[in-house]
Amino acid sequence: RVPFLYTARDLDAKGTLDSFSGDFTVASYRGSSFLDPKGRGASTGYDNAVALPARSDDEELAKENTKSAAP
């Protein structure tokens, strides 16, 4: 026996007891308190990380600065 070391969602496995396979998804290990290398996070850390603070809310940078823990 080998335990799963991660959470498998929507597992649709078929086969025998000694060999089975199937499609599944693995939930992200990054929760809301995960910080990226620039210190941005969904619930902790900085809300933006840019060289020019005046551009921190620039729409062009919104995708990079807005963090979400939603799947």
Protein backbone atom coordinates (compact mmCIF):
# COMPACT_ATOMS: atom_id res chain seq x y z
CA ARG A 1 0.00 0.00 0.00
CA VAL A 2 1.12 3.50 -0.82
CA PRO A 3 -0.79 6.40 0.74
CA PHE A 4 -1.68 9.41 -1.36
CA LEU A 5 0.49 12.32 -0.25
CA TYR A 6 -1.87 14.90 -1.69
CA THR A 7 -5.60 15.54 -1.97
CA ALA A 8 -7.11 14.03 -5.11
CA ARG A 9 -10.40 15.47 -6.32
CA ASP A 10 -12.79 13.98 -8.85
CA LEU A 11 -10.89 10.68 -8.94
CA ASP A 12 -12.35 8.39 -11.59
CA ALA A 13 -10.15 5.28 -11.31
CA LYS A 14 -10.72 1.91 -12.91
CA GLY A 15 -8.78 -1.35 -12.80
CA THR A 16 -7.90 -4.19 -10.46
CA LEU A 17 -6.80 -3.95 -6.82
CA ASP A 18 -3.13 -4.24 -7.74
CA SER A 19 -3.24 -1.82 -10.68
CA PHE A 20 -5.62 1.05 -11.26
CA SER A 21 -5.48 4.37 -13.06
CA GLY A 22 -7.71 7.28 -13.90
CA ASP A 23 -8.09 11.02 -14.23
CA PHE A 24 -8.11 13.35 -11.23
CA THR A 25 -7.24 16.87 -10.16
CA VAL A 26 -4.95 17.90 -7.31
CA ALA A 27 -5.86 20.88 -5.16
CA SER A 28 -3.36 23.73 -4.97
CA TYR A 29 -1.08 23.65 -1.95
CA ARG A 30 -1.09 27.43 -1.94
CA GLY A 31 -3.54 28.65 0.64
CA SER A 32 -4.41 32.24 1.43
CA SER A 33 -1.28 32.71 3.56
CA PHE A 34 1.13 31.61 0.80
CA LEU A 35 3.56 34.38 -0.15
CA ASP A 36 5.08 34.57 -3.60
CA PRO A 37 8.79 35.47 -3.99
CA LYS A 38 7.94 39.19 -3.93
CA GLY A 39 6.02 38.89 -0.63
CA ARG A 40 2.51 39.18 -2.09
CA GLY A 41 -0.27 37.03 -0.67
CA ALA A 42 -4.05 36.74 -0.48
CA SER A 43 -4.31 37.37 3.27
CA THR A 44 -0.78 38.38 4.34
CA GLY A 45 2.20 40.25 2.97
CA TYR A 46 2.20 43.20 0.59
CA ASP A 47 -0.72 43.88 -1.73
CA ASN A 48 1.62 44.92 -4.54
CA ALA A 49 5.28 44.73 -5.48
CA VAL A 50 6.42 47.12 -8.17
CA ALA A 51 9.47 49.32 -8.59
CA LEU A 52 7.35 52.46 -8.91
CA PRO A 53 4.81 52.68 -6.03
CA ALA A 54 2.78 55.24 -8.01
CA ARG A 55 1.95 52.46 -10.53
CA SER A 56 0.91 49.91 -7.88
CA ASP A 57 -2.79 50.16 -8.81
CA ASP A 58 -2.16 50.35 -12.56
CA GLU A 59 -4.63 48.13 -14.43
CA GLU A 60 -1.80 46.64 -16.47
CA LEU A 61 -0.24 45.27 -13.26
CA ALA A 62 -3.49 44.18 -11.59
CA LYS A 63 -3.21 40.56 -12.73
CA GLU A 64 0.27 40.23 -11.22
CA ASN A 65 -0.58 42.01 -7.97
CA THR A 66 -4.01 40.51 -7.22
CA LYS A 67 -3.63 37.16 -5.49
CA SER A 68 -6.46 34.69 -4.95
CA ALA A 69 -6.65 31.40 -3.11
CA ALA A 70 -9.75 30.34 -5.03
CA PRO A 71 -9.40 27.06 -6.98
